[in-house]
């Protein structure tokens, strides 16, 4: 079990709160097993860095991903 799975399991057992991506717990939220709290609060943004070898050939897929990342971040 990964950490996210453990966080969900602990929340379902009533052991506290967890900050999780909504898409990961959507089924639990829809079925009422988990309840969203602090709906007005948003965590600070997490810095994202994309590293790749600058002098090497980049595949079109990697290049497209890097360009997309630079637009959305």
N, C-alpha and C. Protein backbone atom coordinates (compact mmCIF):
# COMPACT_ATOMS: atom_id res chain seq x y z
N UNK A 1 0.85 -1.17 0.00
CA UNK A 1 0.00 0.00 0.00
C UNK A 1 0.90 1.24 0.00
N UNK A 2 0.59 2.19 -0.86
CA UNK A 2 1.38 3.43 -0.88
C UNK A 2 0.87 4.38 0.20
N UNK A 3 1.54 5.51 0.38
CA UNK A 3 1.15 6.45 1.43
C UNK A 3 -0.26 6.98 1.21
N UNK A 4 -0.63 7.27 -0.02
CA UNK A 4 -1.97 7.80 -0.29
C UNK A 4 -3.02 6.80 0.15
N UNK A 5 -2.82 5.54 -0.19
CA UNK A 5 -3.76 4.50 0.24
C UNK A 5 -3.86 4.41 1.75
N UNK A 6 -2.74 4.57 2.43
CA UNK A 6 -2.73 4.54 3.89
C UNK A 6 -3.47 5.75 4.45
N UNK A 7 -3.26 6.93 3.87
CA UNK A 7 -3.97 8.13 4.33
C UNK A 7 -5.47 7.94 4.19
N UNK A 8 -5.90 7.41 3.07
CA UNK A 8 -7.34 7.18 2.85
C UNK A 8 -7.87 6.18 3.88
N UNK A 9 -7.14 5.10 4.07
CA UNK A 9 -7.57 4.08 5.02
C UNK A 9 -7.69 4.66 6.43
N UNK A 10 -6.73 5.47 6.83
CA UNK A 10 -6.76 6.07 8.17
C UNK A 10 -7.93 7.05 8.29
N UNK A 11 -8.20 7.84 7.27
CA UNK A 11 -9.34 8.76 7.31
C UNK A 11 -10.65 7.99 7.38
N UNK A 12 -10.77 6.93 6.60
CA UNK A 12 -11.99 6.12 6.63
C UNK A 12 -12.20 5.49 8.00
N UNK A 13 -11.10 5.23 8.72
CA UNK A 13 -11.20 4.65 10.06
C UNK A 13 -11.40 5.72 11.13
N UNK A 14 -11.42 7.00 10.72
CA UNK A 14 -11.69 8.07 11.67
C UNK A 14 -10.49 8.60 12.42
N UNK A 15 -9.30 8.42 11.87
CA UNK A 15 -8.08 8.83 12.55
C UNK A 15 -7.61 10.24 12.21
N UNK A 16 -8.38 11.03 11.50
CA UNK A 16 -7.97 12.41 11.26
C UNK A 16 -8.26 12.90 9.87
N UNK A 17 -7.51 13.93 9.49
CA UNK A 17 -7.68 14.62 8.22
C UNK A 17 -6.49 14.33 7.31
N UNK A 18 -6.71 14.45 6.02
CA UNK A 18 -5.62 14.31 5.05
C UNK A 18 -5.88 15.26 3.89
N UNK A 19 -4.82 15.78 3.34
CA UNK A 19 -4.91 16.61 2.13
C UNK A 19 -4.61 15.71 0.95
N UNK A 20 -5.65 15.42 0.15
CA UNK A 20 -5.52 14.49 -0.96
C UNK A 20 -6.13 15.09 -2.21
N UNK A 21 -5.67 14.64 -3.34
CA UNK A 21 -6.23 15.09 -4.61
C UNK A 21 -7.68 14.62 -4.72
N UNK A 22 -8.55 15.52 -5.15
CA UNK A 22 -9.97 15.21 -5.21
C UNK A 22 -10.27 14.02 -6.11
N UNK A 23 -9.56 13.89 -7.22
CA UNK A 23 -9.84 12.77 -8.12
C UNK A 23 -9.52 11.42 -7.49
N UNK A 24 -8.64 11.40 -6.51
CA UNK A 24 -8.27 10.14 -5.86
C UNK A 24 -9.36 9.68 -4.89
N UNK A 25 -10.06 10.62 -4.28
CA UNK A 25 -11.08 10.26 -3.28
C UNK A 25 -12.50 10.54 -3.77
N UNK A 26 -12.67 10.81 -5.05
CA UNK A 26 -13.99 11.19 -5.59
C UNK A 26 -15.07 10.17 -5.24
N UNK A 27 -14.78 8.88 -5.39
CA UNK A 27 -15.79 7.86 -5.07
C UNK A 27 -16.18 7.90 -3.60
N UNK A 28 -15.19 8.06 -2.73
CA UNK A 28 -15.47 8.13 -1.29
C UNK A 28 -16.31 9.36 -0.96
N UNK A 29 -16.02 10.48 -1.62
CA UNK A 29 -16.79 11.70 -1.39
C UNK A 29 -18.23 11.54 -1.90
N UNK A 30 -18.38 11.00 -3.09
CA UNK A 30 -19.72 10.83 -3.68
C UNK A 30 -20.59 9.89 -2.85
N UNK A 31 -19.98 8.87 -2.28
CA UNK A 31 -20.74 7.89 -1.51
C UNK A 31 -20.85 8.25 -0.04
N UNK A 32 -20.26 9.40 0.36
CA UNK A 32 -20.40 9.88 1.73
C UNK A 32 -19.49 9.23 2.74
N UNK A 33 -18.54 8.43 2.30
CA UNK A 33 -17.61 7.81 3.24
C UNK A 33 -16.60 8.82 3.77
N UNK A 34 -16.27 9.81 2.94
CA UNK A 34 -15.41 10.91 3.36
C UNK A 34 -16.16 12.21 3.11
N UNK A 35 -15.82 13.23 3.90
CA UNK A 35 -16.45 14.54 3.79
C UNK A 35 -15.36 15.57 3.63
N UNK A 36 -15.52 16.45 2.67
CA UNK A 36 -14.56 17.53 2.46
C UNK A 36 -14.74 18.59 3.54
N UNK A 37 -13.64 19.00 4.16
CA UNK A 37 -13.65 20.07 5.17
C UNK A 37 -12.72 21.17 4.69
N UNK A 38 -12.80 22.32 5.32
CA UNK A 38 -11.95 23.46 4.97
C UNK A 38 -12.07 23.79 3.49
N UNK A 39 -13.29 23.85 2.99
CA UNK A 39 -13.51 24.05 1.55
C UNK A 39 -13.05 25.41 1.05
N UNK A 40 -12.94 26.40 1.94
CA UNK A 40 -12.49 27.74 1.53
C UNK A 40 -10.97 27.87 1.54
N UNK A 41 -10.27 26.90 2.09
CA UNK A 41 -8.82 26.96 2.21
C UNK A 41 -8.17 26.22 1.04
N UNK A 42 -7.13 26.80 0.51
CA UNK A 42 -6.34 26.17 -0.55
C UNK A 42 -4.89 26.12 -0.11
N UNK A 43 -4.20 25.02 -0.32
CA UNK A 43 -2.79 24.95 0.05
C UNK A 43 -1.96 25.82 -0.88
N UNK A 44 -0.79 26.25 -0.40
CA UNK A 44 0.08 27.02 -1.29
C UNK A 44 0.53 26.16 -2.47
N UNK A 45 0.80 26.79 -3.60
CA UNK A 45 1.23 26.01 -4.77
C UNK A 45 2.56 25.29 -4.50
N UNK A 46 2.70 24.16 -5.11
CA UNK A 46 3.92 23.36 -4.98
C UNK A 46 4.81 23.67 -6.18
N UNK A 47 6.09 24.03 -5.93
CA UNK A 47 6.97 24.30 -7.06
C UNK A 47 7.21 23.02 -7.87
N UNK A 48 7.27 23.19 -9.18
CA UNK A 48 7.50 22.06 -10.08
C UNK A 48 8.70 22.39 -10.95
N UNK A 49 9.59 21.43 -11.08
CA UNK A 49 10.78 21.60 -11.93
C UNK A 49 10.85 20.43 -12.90
N UNK A 50 11.07 20.74 -14.15
CA UNK A 50 11.24 19.71 -15.17
C UNK A 50 12.71 19.71 -15.58
N UNK A 51 13.39 18.60 -15.37
CA UNK A 51 14.80 18.47 -15.71
C UNK A 51 14.96 17.52 -16.89
N UNK A 52 15.80 17.92 -17.82
CA UNK A 52 16.09 17.07 -18.96
C UNK A 52 17.46 17.46 -19.50
N UNK A 53 18.15 16.55 -20.19
CA UNK A 53 19.47 16.87 -20.74
C UNK A 53 19.34 17.88 -21.88
N UNK A 54 19.80 19.09 -21.66
CA UNK A 54 19.60 20.20 -22.59
C UNK A 54 20.31 19.98 -23.93
N UNK A 55 21.44 19.34 -23.92
CA UNK A 55 22.22 19.20 -25.15
C UNK A 55 21.85 17.96 -25.97
N UNK A 56 20.97 17.13 -25.46
CA UNK A 56 20.61 15.90 -26.17
C UNK A 56 19.33 16.08 -26.97
N UNK A 57 19.15 15.19 -27.92
CA UNK A 57 17.93 15.17 -28.71
C UNK A 57 16.75 14.82 -27.81
N UNK A 58 15.69 15.59 -27.91
CA UNK A 58 14.47 15.29 -27.16
C UNK A 58 13.44 14.71 -28.11
N UNK A 59 12.82 13.65 -27.69
CA UNK A 59 11.76 13.07 -28.52
C UNK A 59 10.63 14.08 -28.64
N UNK A 60 9.84 13.99 -29.68
CA UNK A 60 8.70 14.91 -29.82
C UNK A 60 7.75 14.85 -28.62
N UNK A 61 7.59 13.67 -28.04
CA UNK A 61 6.70 13.55 -26.88
C UNK A 61 7.26 14.31 -25.68
N UNK A 62 8.56 14.19 -25.42
CA UNK A 62 9.17 14.90 -24.30
C UNK A 62 9.14 16.40 -24.56
N UNK A 63 9.44 16.81 -25.77
CA UNK A 63 9.40 18.23 -26.11
C UNK A 63 7.99 18.80 -25.93
N UNK A 64 6.98 18.08 -26.38
CA UNK A 64 5.59 18.53 -26.23
C UNK A 64 5.21 18.62 -24.76
N UNK A 65 5.65 17.64 -23.97
CA UNK A 65 5.35 17.68 -22.54
C UNK A 65 6.03 18.87 -21.88
N UNK A 66 7.29 19.13 -22.21
CA UNK A 66 8.01 20.27 -21.64
C UNK A 66 7.34 21.59 -22.01
N UNK A 67 6.91 21.71 -23.24
CA UNK A 67 6.21 22.93 -23.67
C UNK A 67 4.88 23.09 -22.94
N UNK A 68 4.15 21.99 -22.79
CA UNK A 68 2.88 22.03 -22.07
C UNK A 68 3.10 22.44 -20.61
N UNK A 69 4.12 21.84 -19.98
CA UNK A 69 4.42 22.18 -18.58
C UNK A 69 4.75 23.66 -18.43
N UNK A 70 5.51 24.21 -19.36
CA UNK A 70 5.89 25.62 -19.25
C UNK A 70 4.67 26.54 -19.40
N UNK A 71 3.64 26.07 -20.08
CA UNK A 71 2.42 26.87 -20.25
C UNK A 71 1.51 26.81 -19.03
N UNK A 72 1.44 25.66 -18.38
CA UNK A 72 0.47 25.49 -17.29
C UNK A 72 1.04 25.81 -15.91
N UNK A 73 2.34 25.86 -15.79
CA UNK A 73 2.94 26.11 -14.47
C UNK A 73 3.25 27.58 -14.30
